[in-house]
Amino acid sequence: MSDDLDIRYGGAISVDTEMLRDIGARLAGVAGSLAQAAAAAGNAQALLLGSAACRSWDGFDTLGRSYRRLDESRITAETTSASTLLMADAYEVVELRAQAEALAASDAAAAAALQARADEIAGSDPRVQELVIALTQGWVVGRFEGLDFQVGFGTPIGALFGGVGTAAALLGKGVIPKGATLQGKADAVRVRPVVTTTPKGPPTSLPEALQRFPNSGGAQVRVEKYTMPDGTNRFVTYVKGTQSLLFGGSNPWDMKSNLELYDRQRSASYQATLDALKESGAEPGDRVDLVAYSQGGAIASHLAMDDVYDVGVEITAGSPVEPTLDDDQTLVQLRHTDDVVSSLAGGGSAGGTGSPDSFTAERVGDPGLGLQDLLLEPHRIETYVETAEMVEESGDPRVDGLDELWEDLGQATSVTATDYHAERVLPEEVVAPGGPTTPAPVVGDEWWNRKDVR
């Protein structure tokens, strides 16, 4: 069960609509060629039968079989083409309705136009709406598979785990709608570089990317700066998850930032990430790609939807939210259906998001029952690295699309990586007399990822 990996475009959609339509059109072309070939074989047979000199030819049976096989192949191609185009219509309806819902708050006119187009497609063939219902219902049923069958099932603990995803879906905070921006003012932070190194190059795979988070000096953010042959700079930013279970302590990666980000408020951790990028030399408009885990996924999602940097690729593992990206941005999401943190995204959007190269890879992270569930085993970064390795070995062509990112970065003439540590600037009244405050204990994601507590 833990090896069952589902890779799809996102939400209820397996393959991007444009890709399906292209496949359907090409199959229709194949069907046309097969029809011509079958007609040629049939005409040849008729001509030969009409010739007295050829009536004794012993190849008529073979020619007849060729005609029948060509015609059967034509029928199969036509049927498959029609089914593929029908599925593309169903996927488009799901996409349009999801986009309309995401736009409803910011652009009611555009949302209404999308909904009208979805209704038009759904009304063109009764089978389309039937497929839409089947797709969305299947997605709704399976998006939290395994979440309520963890340790404590039938107890308040099990009920809590099982209810988180449903509550998040009803709350509607898990999907960041188009045009949404972080509100309010973040707590003041101090950001300082901890260490600068010179990597041999960029990651060469998804698992390697998930193993580049900073691990020294309490750093929460790593920024890799790539100087390209044309003199421009590109950046890859790695953002860690929750570091403290405290609320409003010195570590910005805490529960206060979690709640603020989920409520779409500017958090100290978000501000610290922006400050780290600025400190590293990133200027507005520069290309910045993002790799993020847990709370880092919420930070990365808002960065990707902001206008400060040109975010081309966002990779997240166990993120509590899903962004609504443009069709020229690639979103790669790793999710475990039994991960209570990932379930805060409410299953994401039914329509998916991002470019046609975007995909969501999902599985049950830890199907076994045990005390490891209380340590959030399905949410551990090591468990997501295992999923990334499965994704890398899947052979899915969308996974190969990430190779372009690694290859482009591999052309850089120089690479530096700087780890940054951030602290929240605490109000004077909570600073201990005679000296600075004691740093908050490192718990949260760091705690449940430690080997000695597994």
Protein backbone atom coordinates (compact mmCIF):
# COMPACT_ATOMS: atom_id res chain seq x y z
CA MET A 1 0.00 0.00 0.00
CA SER A 2 2.79 2.44 0.87
CA ASP A 3 4.23 1.86 -2.60
CA ASP A 4 1.04 2.98 -4.38
CA LEU A 5 2.02 6.28 -5.96
CA ASP A 6 -0.46 8.48 -7.79
CA ILE A 7 1.00 11.13 -10.11
CA ARG A 8 -1.50 13.49 -11.69
CA TYR A 9 -1.84 17.06 -12.89
CA GLY A 10 -3.59 17.98 -9.66
CA GLY A 11 -6.91 17.66 -7.90
CA ALA A 12 -9.23 15.41 -9.87
CA ILE A 13 -7.21 15.76 -13.07
CA SER A 14 -4.68 13.17 -14.20
CA VAL A 15 -3.40 14.81 -17.36
CA ASP A 16 -3.50 18.44 -18.49
CA THR A 17 -6.45 19.20 -20.78
CA GLU A 18 -4.30 20.53 -23.63
CA MET A 19 -2.24 17.37 -23.61
CA LEU A 20 -5.36 15.21 -23.76
CA ARG A 21 -6.79 17.20 -26.66
CA ASP A 22 -3.50 16.86 -28.52
CA ILE A 23 -3.54 13.09 -27.97
CA GLY A 24 -7.18 12.90 -29.06
CA ALA A 25 -6.47 14.88 -32.23
CA ARG A 26 -3.46 12.74 -33.09
CA LEU A 27 -5.51 9.58 -32.58
CA ALA A 28 -8.14 10.99 -34.91
CA GLY A 29 -5.40 11.52 -37.48
CA VAL A 30 -4.25 7.92 -37.04
CA ALA A 31 -7.83 6.76 -37.48
CA GLY A 32 -8.03 8.69 -40.75
CA SER A 33 -4.82 7.10 -42.04
CA LEU A 34 -6.06 3.65 -41.05
CA ALA A 35 -9.35 4.32 -42.85
CA GLN A 36 -7.43 5.20 -46.03
CA ALA A 37 -5.28 2.08 -45.70
CA ALA A 38 -8.31 -0.13 -45.13
CA ALA A 39 -10.07 1.41 -48.12
CA ALA A 40 -7.00 0.82 -50.27
CA ALA A 41 -6.85 -2.82 -49.16
CA GLY A 42 -10.58 -3.24 -49.84
CA ASN A 43 -10.30 -1.65 -53.30
CA ALA A 44 -7.33 -3.81 -54.16
CA GLN A 45 -9.22 -6.91 -53.17
CA ALA A 46 -12.23 -5.88 -55.28
CA LEU A 47 -10.06 -5.12 -58.32
CA LEU A 48 -8.23 -8.42 -58.06
CA LEU A 49 -11.46 -10.34 -57.66
CA GLY A 50 -12.77 -8.62 -60.77
CA SER A 51 -9.82 -9.83 -62.81
CA ALA A 52 -10.22 -13.29 -64.34
CA ALA A 53 -6.43 -13.71 -64.37
CA CYS A 54 -6.20 -13.21 -60.60
CA ARG A 55 -9.11 -15.28 -59.39
CA SER A 56 -6.87 -18.23 -58.67
CA TRP A 57 -4.42 -16.12 -56.64
CA ASP A 58 -3.87 -17.64 -53.19
CA GLY A 59 -3.26 -14.31 -51.41
CA PHE A 60 -6.91 -13.23 -51.20
CA ASP A 61 -7.31 -14.57 -47.65
CA THR A 62 -4.23 -12.64 -46.45
CA LEU A 63 -5.42 -9.46 -48.16
CA GLY A 64 -8.87 -9.89 -46.62
CA ARG A 65 -7.40 -10.34 -43.16
CA SER A 66 -5.30 -7.21 -43.66
CA TYR A 67 -8.38 -5.24 -44.58
CA ARG A 68 -10.28 -6.47 -41.51
CA ARG A 69 -7.37 -5.74 -39.16
CA LEU A 70 -6.94 -2.25 -40.58
CA ASP A 71 -10.65 -1.56 -40.21
CA GLU A 72 -10.68 -2.90 -36.63
CA SER A 73 -7.70 -0.69 -35.81
CA ARG A 74 -9.53 2.27 -37.35
CA ILE A 75 -12.54 1.65 -35.12
CA THR A 76 -10.30 1.35 -32.03
CA ALA A 77 -8.49 4.59 -32.88
CA GLU A 78 -11.75 6.44 -33.51
CA THR A 79 -13.28 5.15 -30.26
CA THR A 80 -10.17 5.98 -28.24
CA SER A 81 -9.97 9.43 -29.82
CA ALA A 82 -13.60 10.16 -28.97
CA SER A 83 -13.14 8.90 -25.39
CA THR A 84 -9.98 10.96 -24.95
CA LEU A 85 -11.66 14.13 -26.20
CA LEU A 86 -14.65 13.42 -23.98
CA MET A 87 -12.33 13.09 -20.97
CA ALA A 88 -10.62 16.35 -22.00
CA ASP A 89 -14.04 18.04 -21.93
CA ALA A 90 -14.70 16.65 -18.45
CA TYR A 91 -11.29 17.79 -17.19
CA GLU A 92 -11.85 21.23 -18.71
CA VAL A 93 -15.16 21.60 -16.93
CA VAL A 94 -13.49 20.69 -13.62
CA GLU A 95 -10.67 23.16 -14.34
CA LEU A 96 -12.99 25.98 -15.38
CA ARG A 97 -15.20 25.57 -12.33
CA ALA A 98 -12.16 25.50 -10.02
CA GLN A 99 -10.77 28.62 -11.69
CA ALA A 100 -14.12 30.35 -11.42
CA GLU A 101 -14.27 29.56 -7.71
CA ALA A 102 -10.72 30.88 -7.23
CA LEU A 103 -11.55 34.12 -9.06
CA ALA A 104 -14.95 34.70 -7.48
CA ALA A 105 -13.67 37.04 -4.78
CA SER A 106 -11.29 39.09 -6.94
CA ASP A 107 -12.96 39.19 -10.38
CA ALA A 108 -16.64 38.28 -10.39
CA ALA A 109 -17.06 39.01 -14.13
CA ALA A 110 -14.19 36.72 -15.13
CA ALA A 111 -15.47 34.03 -12.78
CA ALA A 112 -18.94 34.22 -14.34
CA ALA A 113 -17.47 33.91 -17.83
CA LEU A 114 -15.51 30.81 -16.84
CA GLN A 115 -18.58 29.27 -15.22
CA ALA A 116 -20.64 29.96 -18.35
CA ARG A 117 -18.02 28.25 -20.51
CA ALA A 118 -17.97 25.26 -18.15
CA ASP A 119 -21.77 24.99 -18.31
CA GLU A 120 -21.65 25.18 -22.10
CA ILE A 121 -19.18 22.29 -22.36
CA ALA A 122 -21.05 20.23 -19.76
CA GLY A 123 -24.29 20.74 -21.66
CA SER A 124 -22.84 19.64 -24.99
CA ASP A 125 -22.98 15.96 -24.05
CA PRO A 126 -24.67 14.39 -21.00
CA ARG A 127 -21.69 12.06 -20.60
CA VAL A 128 -19.45 15.04 -19.79
CA GLN A 129 -21.35 15.93 -16.63
CA GLU A 130 -21.44 12.26 -15.61
CA LEU A 131 -17.65 12.10 -15.90
CA VAL A 132 -17.26 15.37 -14.01
CA ILE A 133 -19.30 13.98 -11.12
CA ALA A 134 -17.33 10.72 -11.10
CA LEU A 135 -13.98 12.52 -11.19
CA THR A 136 -14.75 14.99 -8.42
CA GLN A 137 -16.43 12.43 -6.19
CA GLY A 138 -13.49 10.05 -6.55
CA TRP A 139 -11.09 12.86 -5.67
CA VAL A 140 -13.14 13.95 -2.65
CA VAL A 141 -13.31 10.40 -1.29
CA GLY A 142 -9.63 9.60 -1.79
CA ARG A 143 -7.86 12.85 -0.93
CA PHE A 144 -7.50 12.01 2.81
CA GLU A 145 -7.17 8.25 2.50
CA GLY A 146 -5.52 6.85 5.61
CA LEU A 147 -5.78 10.04 7.66
CA ASP A 148 -8.37 8.68 10.09
CA PHE A 149 -6.84 5.20 10.36
CA GLN A 150 -3.86 6.16 12.46
CA VAL A 151 -3.06 5.36 16.06
CA GLY A 152 -6.00 6.20 18.27
CA PHE A 153 -8.65 5.49 15.65
CA GLY A 154 -12.00 5.51 17.47
CA THR A 155 -10.58 7.79 20.16
CA PRO A 156 -10.38 11.60 20.36
CA ILE A 157 -6.90 11.43 18.79
CA GLY A 158 -8.17 9.49 15.80
CA ALA A 159 -11.17 11.78 15.45
CA LEU A 160 -8.86 14.80 15.54
CA PHE A 161 -6.61 13.45 12.79
CA GLY A 162 -9.53 12.35 10.67
CA GLY A 163 -11.39 15.64 10.98
CA VAL A 164 -8.54 18.00 10.11
CA GLY A 165 -8.73 17.55 6.35
CA THR A 166 -12.50 17.87 6.22
CA ALA A 167 -12.43 20.96 8.43
CA ALA A 168 -9.71 22.52 6.27
CA ALA A 169 -11.73 21.86 3.12
CA LEU A 170 -14.82 23.47 4.65
CA LEU A 171 -12.79 26.43 5.94
CA GLY A 172 -11.45 27.07 2.44
CA LYS A 173 -8.07 28.41 3.56
CA GLY A 174 -6.01 25.59 2.06
CA VAL A 175 -6.19 26.85 -1.52
CA ILE A 176 -4.82 30.36 -2.07
CA PRO A 177 -7.15 31.97 -4.64
CA LYS A 178 -5.95 34.00 -7.59
CA GLY A 179 -5.08 37.54 -6.62
CA ALA A 180 -4.81 36.82 -2.90
CA THR A 181 -1.92 38.55 -1.13
CA LEU A 182 -0.64 38.48 2.41
CA GLN A 183 -2.13 41.19 4.58
CA GLY A 184 -0.93 43.07 7.64
CA LYS A 185 2.56 43.78 8.89
CA ALA A 186 5.03 41.09 9.90
CA ASP A 187 6.82 41.04 13.21
CA ALA A 188 10.28 42.55 12.97
CA VAL A 189 13.06 40.06 12.30
CA ARG A 190 16.85 39.93 12.25
CA VAL A 191 18.43 37.84 9.49
CA ARG A 192 22.11 36.96 9.40
CA PRO A 193 24.19 34.63 7.21
CA VAL A 194 25.47 31.54 9.01
CA VAL A 195 27.74 29.95 6.44
CA THR A 196 28.53 30.32 2.73
CA THR A 197 29.69 27.35 0.68
CA THR A 198 30.41 26.56 -2.97
CA PRO A 199 28.28 23.64 -4.22
CA LYS A 200 29.54 21.63 -7.18
CA GLY A 201 26.36 22.52 -9.01
CA PRO A 202 22.58 22.39 -8.78
CA PRO A 203 20.59 19.34 -7.69
CA THR A 204 20.24 16.74 -10.41
CA SER A 205 17.05 15.10 -9.15
CA LEU A 206 13.97 15.70 -7.03
CA PRO A 207 15.27 13.66 -4.05
CA GLU A 208 18.54 15.59 -4.09
CA ALA A 209 16.66 18.90 -4.08
CA LEU A 210 14.76 17.83 -0.95
CA GLN A 211 18.05 17.11 0.80
CA ARG A 212 19.49 20.61 0.37
CA PHE A 213 17.70 22.31 3.24
CA PRO A 214 20.12 24.07 5.61
CA ASN A 215 21.29 22.08 8.63
CA SER A 216 23.83 24.34 10.32
CA GLY A 217 23.65 27.14 12.89
CA GLY A 218 19.88 26.98 13.25
CA ALA A 219 19.45 28.27 9.69
CA GLN A 220 15.95 28.18 8.26
CA VAL A 221 16.66 29.36 4.70
CA ARG A 222 19.31 28.50 2.14
CA VAL A 223 19.77 30.65 -0.97
CA GLU A 224 21.83 29.33 -3.87
CA LYS A 225 23.03 32.04 -6.24
CA TYR A 226 23.85 31.01 -9.82
CA THR A 227 25.77 33.41 -12.05
CA MET A 228 24.82 32.57 -15.62
CA PRO A 229 27.06 32.94 -18.73
CA ASP A 230 25.22 36.13 -19.77
CA GLY A 231 26.04 37.75 -16.42
CA THR A 232 22.54 37.50 -14.94
CA ASN A 233 21.85 35.87 -11.61
CA ARG A 234 19.39 33.12 -10.81
CA PHE A 235 18.46 31.86 -7.37
CA VAL A 236 17.13 28.68 -5.81
CA THR A 237 15.72 29.12 -2.32
CA TYR A 238 15.21 26.27 0.16
CA VAL A 239 12.77 27.02 2.98
CA LYS A 240 12.42 24.74 5.99
CA GLY A 241 9.33 23.88 8.01
CA THR A 242 8.22 24.71 11.55
CA GLN A 243 11.08 24.92 14.04
CA SER A 244 9.24 25.77 17.27
CA LEU A 245 5.87 24.88 18.75
CA LEU A 246 5.88 28.13 20.72
CA PHE A 247 3.75 31.12 19.77
CA GLY A 248 5.60 34.37 19.17
CA GLY A 249 9.02 33.34 20.47
CA SER A 250 12.40 34.27 19.05
CA ASN A 251 12.21 31.68 16.26
CA PRO A 252 10.04 33.04 13.42
CA TRP A 253 9.34 29.51 12.15
CA ASP A 254 6.82 28.88 14.93
CA MET A 255 3.11 28.30 15.41
CA LYS A 256 2.34 32.02 15.24
CA SER A 257 3.76 32.17 11.72
CA ASN A 258 1.86 28.98 10.84
CA LEU A 259 -1.45 30.51 11.86
CA GLU A 260 -0.69 33.85 10.22
CA LEU A 261 0.26 32.27 6.90
CA TYR A 262 -2.79 30.01 6.92
CA ASP A 263 -4.95 33.08 7.58
CA ARG A 264 -3.11 34.86 4.73
CA GLN A 265 -1.36 37.31 7.03
CA ARG A 266 2.25 38.36 6.59
CA SER A 267 4.38 36.30 8.98
CA ALA A 268 7.83 36.87 10.46
CA SER A 269 9.05 33.74 8.64
CA TYR A 270 7.82 35.09 5.30
CA GLN A 271 9.54 38.43 5.93
CA ALA A 272 12.72 36.64 6.95
CA THR A 273 12.73 34.68 3.68
CA LEU A 274 12.36 37.91 1.70
CA ASP A 275 15.19 39.45 3.72
CA ALA A 276 17.43 36.43 3.07
CA LEU A 277 16.83 36.72 -0.66
CA LYS A 278 17.60 40.44 -0.59
CA GLU A 279 20.74 39.79 1.47
CA SER A 280 21.87 37.22 -1.09
CA GLY A 281 21.66 39.79 -3.90
CA ALA A 282 18.29 38.89 -5.41
CA GLU A 283 16.64 41.93 -6.96
CA PRO A 284 12.98 42.39 -7.92
CA GLY A 285 12.26 40.58 -11.17
CA ASP A 286 15.13 38.08 -10.81
CA ARG A 287 14.41 34.42 -11.51
CA VAL A 288 13.90 32.58 -8.22
CA ASP A 289 12.93 28.91 -7.96
CA LEU A 290 11.68 27.47 -4.69
CA VAL A 291 12.04 24.20 -2.79
CA ALA A 292 10.06 24.09 0.44
CA TYR A 293 8.86 21.77 3.18
CA SER A 294 5.86 22.10 5.53
CA GLN A 295 5.50 25.75 6.70
CA GLY A 296 8.09 26.57 4.05
CA GLY A 297 5.52 25.47 1.48
CA ALA A 298 3.14 28.21 2.63
CA ILE A 299 5.95 30.76 2.42
CA ALA A 300 6.98 29.56 -1.04
CA SER A 301 3.39 29.54 -2.31
CA HIS A 302 2.87 33.18 -1.43
CA LEU A 303 6.26 34.10 -2.90
CA ALA A 304 5.29 32.34 -6.13
CA MET A 305 2.04 34.32 -6.30
CA ASP A 306 3.69 37.62 -5.40
CA ASP A 307 5.08 40.01 -8.02
CA VAL A 308 8.47 40.56 -6.40
CA TYR A 309 10.40 37.75 -8.10
CA ASP A 310 10.01 35.71 -11.28
CA VAL A 311 9.21 32.31 -9.80
CA GLY A 312 9.35 29.64 -12.49
CA VAL A 313 9.30 26.42 -10.44
CA GLU A 314 7.90 25.73 -6.98
CA ILE A 315 8.56 22.34 -5.37
CA THR A 316 6.84 21.56 -2.06
CA ALA A 317 6.65 18.58 0.30
CA GLY A 318 3.92 18.36 2.93
CA SER A 319 2.73 21.92 2.37
CA PRO A 320 -0.38 23.03 4.30
CA VAL A 321 -1.58 25.10 1.33
CA GLU A 322 -1.82 25.00 -2.45
CA PRO A 323 -1.17 28.12 -4.55
CA THR A 324 -3.03 29.12 -7.71
CA LEU A 325 -0.19 29.62 -10.19
CA ASP A 326 -0.09 30.97 -13.73
CA ASP A 327 0.18 28.62 -16.69
CA ASP A 328 3.85 29.53 -17.17
CA GLN A 329 4.76 28.46 -13.62
CA THR A 330 5.46 24.84 -12.74
CA LEU A 331 4.17 23.47 -9.43
CA VAL A 332 5.45 20.13 -8.13
CA GLN A 333 3.71 18.92 -4.97
CA LEU A 334 4.54 15.86 -2.89
CA ARG A 335 1.71 14.91 -0.57
CA HIS A 336 0.82 12.04 1.72
CA THR A 337 -2.89 11.42 2.18
CA ASP A 338 -2.24 10.42 5.80
CA ASP A 339 -0.18 13.56 6.57
CA VAL A 340 -2.23 15.75 8.89
CA VAL A 341 -0.19 18.85 7.94
CA SER A 342 -0.64 18.31 4.20
CA SER A 343 -4.37 17.73 4.80
CA LEU A 344 -4.68 21.37 5.84
CA ALA A 345 -4.66 22.14 2.11
CA GLY A 346 -8.10 20.53 2.02
CA GLY A 347 -7.08 18.31 -0.88
CA GLY A 348 -6.09 21.34 -2.93
CA SER A 349 -8.03 22.50 -5.95
CA ALA A 350 -10.12 20.02 -7.92
CA GLY A 351 -8.83 21.61 -11.11
CA GLY A 352 -5.10 21.59 -10.45
CA THR A 353 -2.88 24.59 -11.08
CA GLY A 354 0.25 25.72 -12.91
CA SER A 355 1.78 24.80 -16.26
CA PRO A 356 1.13 21.50 -18.09
CA ASP A 357 4.43 20.26 -16.59
CA SER A 358 3.00 20.65 -13.08
CA PHE A 359 2.08 17.56 -11.12
CA THR A 360 1.06 16.30 -7.70
CA ALA A 361 2.57 13.02 -6.49
CA GLU A 362 0.60 11.43 -3.70
CA ARG A 363 0.62 8.24 -1.66
CA VAL A 364 -0.09 6.90 1.81
CA GLY A 365 3.12 7.80 3.61
CA ASP A 366 2.84 5.32 6.48
CA PRO A 367 0.05 2.73 6.18
CA GLY A 368 1.02 0.92 9.40
CA LEU A 369 -0.55 1.71 12.79
CA GLY A 370 1.78 2.56 15.64
CA LEU A 371 3.21 5.17 17.94
CA GLN A 372 5.06 6.68 14.99
CA ASP A 373 1.75 8.28 14.01
CA LEU A 374 1.91 10.47 17.10
CA LEU A 375 5.34 11.63 15.89
CA LEU A 376 3.73 12.51 12.52
CA GLU A 377 5.70 9.89 10.62
CA PRO A 378 3.91 10.62 7.31
CA HIS A 379 5.05 14.26 7.60
CA ARG A 380 8.75 13.62 8.18
CA ILE A 381 11.06 14.99 5.49
CA GLU A 382 12.76 11.59 5.21
CA THR A 383 9.39 10.04 4.30
CA TYR A 384 8.94 12.67 1.60
CA VAL A 385 12.44 12.01 0.29
CA GLU A 386 11.38 8.34 -0.11
CA THR A 387 8.35 9.53 -2.08
CA ALA A 388 10.60 11.74 -4.22
CA GLU A 389 12.76 8.72 -5.02
CA MET A 390 9.66 6.80 -6.11
CA VAL A 391 8.61 9.75 -8.27
CA GLU A 392 12.06 9.90 -9.85
CA GLU A 393 11.86 6.22 -10.78
CA SER A 394 8.26 6.40 -12.06
CA GLY A 395 9.10 7.23 -15.66
CA ASP A 396 6.39 9.91 -15.77
CA PRO A 397 7.38 12.41 -18.50
CA ARG A 398 6.42 15.35 -16.29
CA VAL A 399 9.13 14.32 -13.86
CA ASP A 400 11.64 14.45 -16.70
CA GLY A 401 10.52 18.05 -17.25
CA LEU A 402 12.41 19.03 -14.10
CA ASP A 403 15.64 18.02 -15.83
CA GLU A 404 15.41 21.24 -17.82
CA LEU A 405 15.68 23.25 -14.59
CA TRP A 406 18.73 21.33 -13.37
CA GLU A 407 20.38 21.49 -16.80
CA ASP A 408 19.79 25.25 -17.13
CA LEU A 409 21.28 25.90 -13.71
CA GLY A 410 24.15 23.59 -14.59
CA GLN A 411 25.31 26.17 -17.17
CA ALA A 412 26.18 28.64 -14.40
CA THR A 413 29.76 29.94 -14.31
CA SER A 414 29.73 30.11 -10.50
CA VAL A 415 27.52 28.96 -7.62
CA THR A 416 27.40 30.02 -3.98
CA ALA A 417 25.07 28.81 -1.25
CA THR A 418 24.38 30.84 1.88
CA ASP A 419 22.44 29.61 4.91
CA TYR A 420 20.50 32.26 6.84
CA HIS A 421 19.32 32.26 10.44
CA ALA A 422 16.45 34.52 11.46
CA GLU A 423 15.20 35.69 14.83
CA ARG A 424 12.04 37.56 15.72
CA VAL A 425 12.73 40.89 17.40
CA LEU A 426 10.88 40.58 20.71
CA PRO A 427 9.19 43.52 22.44
CA GLU A 428 11.21 45.14 25.20
CA GLU A 429 8.76 44.06 27.89
CA VAL A 430 9.44 40.35 27.27
CA VAL A 431 13.22 40.67 27.18
CA ALA A 432 14.76 39.28 30.35
CA PRO A 433 16.51 41.96 32.47
CA GLY A 434 20.26 42.01 32.09
CA GLY A 435 20.46 40.20 28.78
CA PRO A 436 18.81 38.82 25.67
CA THR A 437 16.01 36.33 25.75
CA THR A 438 16.71 32.63 25.79
CA PRO A 439 16.22 31.16 22.31
CA ALA A 440 13.10 29.09 21.89
CA PRO A 441 13.72 25.33 22.01
CA VAL A 442 13.97 23.72 18.59
CA VAL A 443 11.00 21.44 18.25
CA GLY A 444 8.25 21.20 15.65
CA ASP A 445 9.44 19.72 12.35
CA GLU A 446 13.01 19.46 13.63
CA TRP A 447 11.82 17.47 16.63
CA TRP A 448 9.83 14.88 14.73
CA ASN A 449 12.56 14.51 12.12
CA ARG A 450 15.24 13.58 14.67
CA LYS A 451 16.51 10.01 14.35
CA ASP A 452 16.58 9.45 18.10
CA VAL A 453 12.82 9.89 18.51
CA ARG A 454 11.66 7.73 15.64
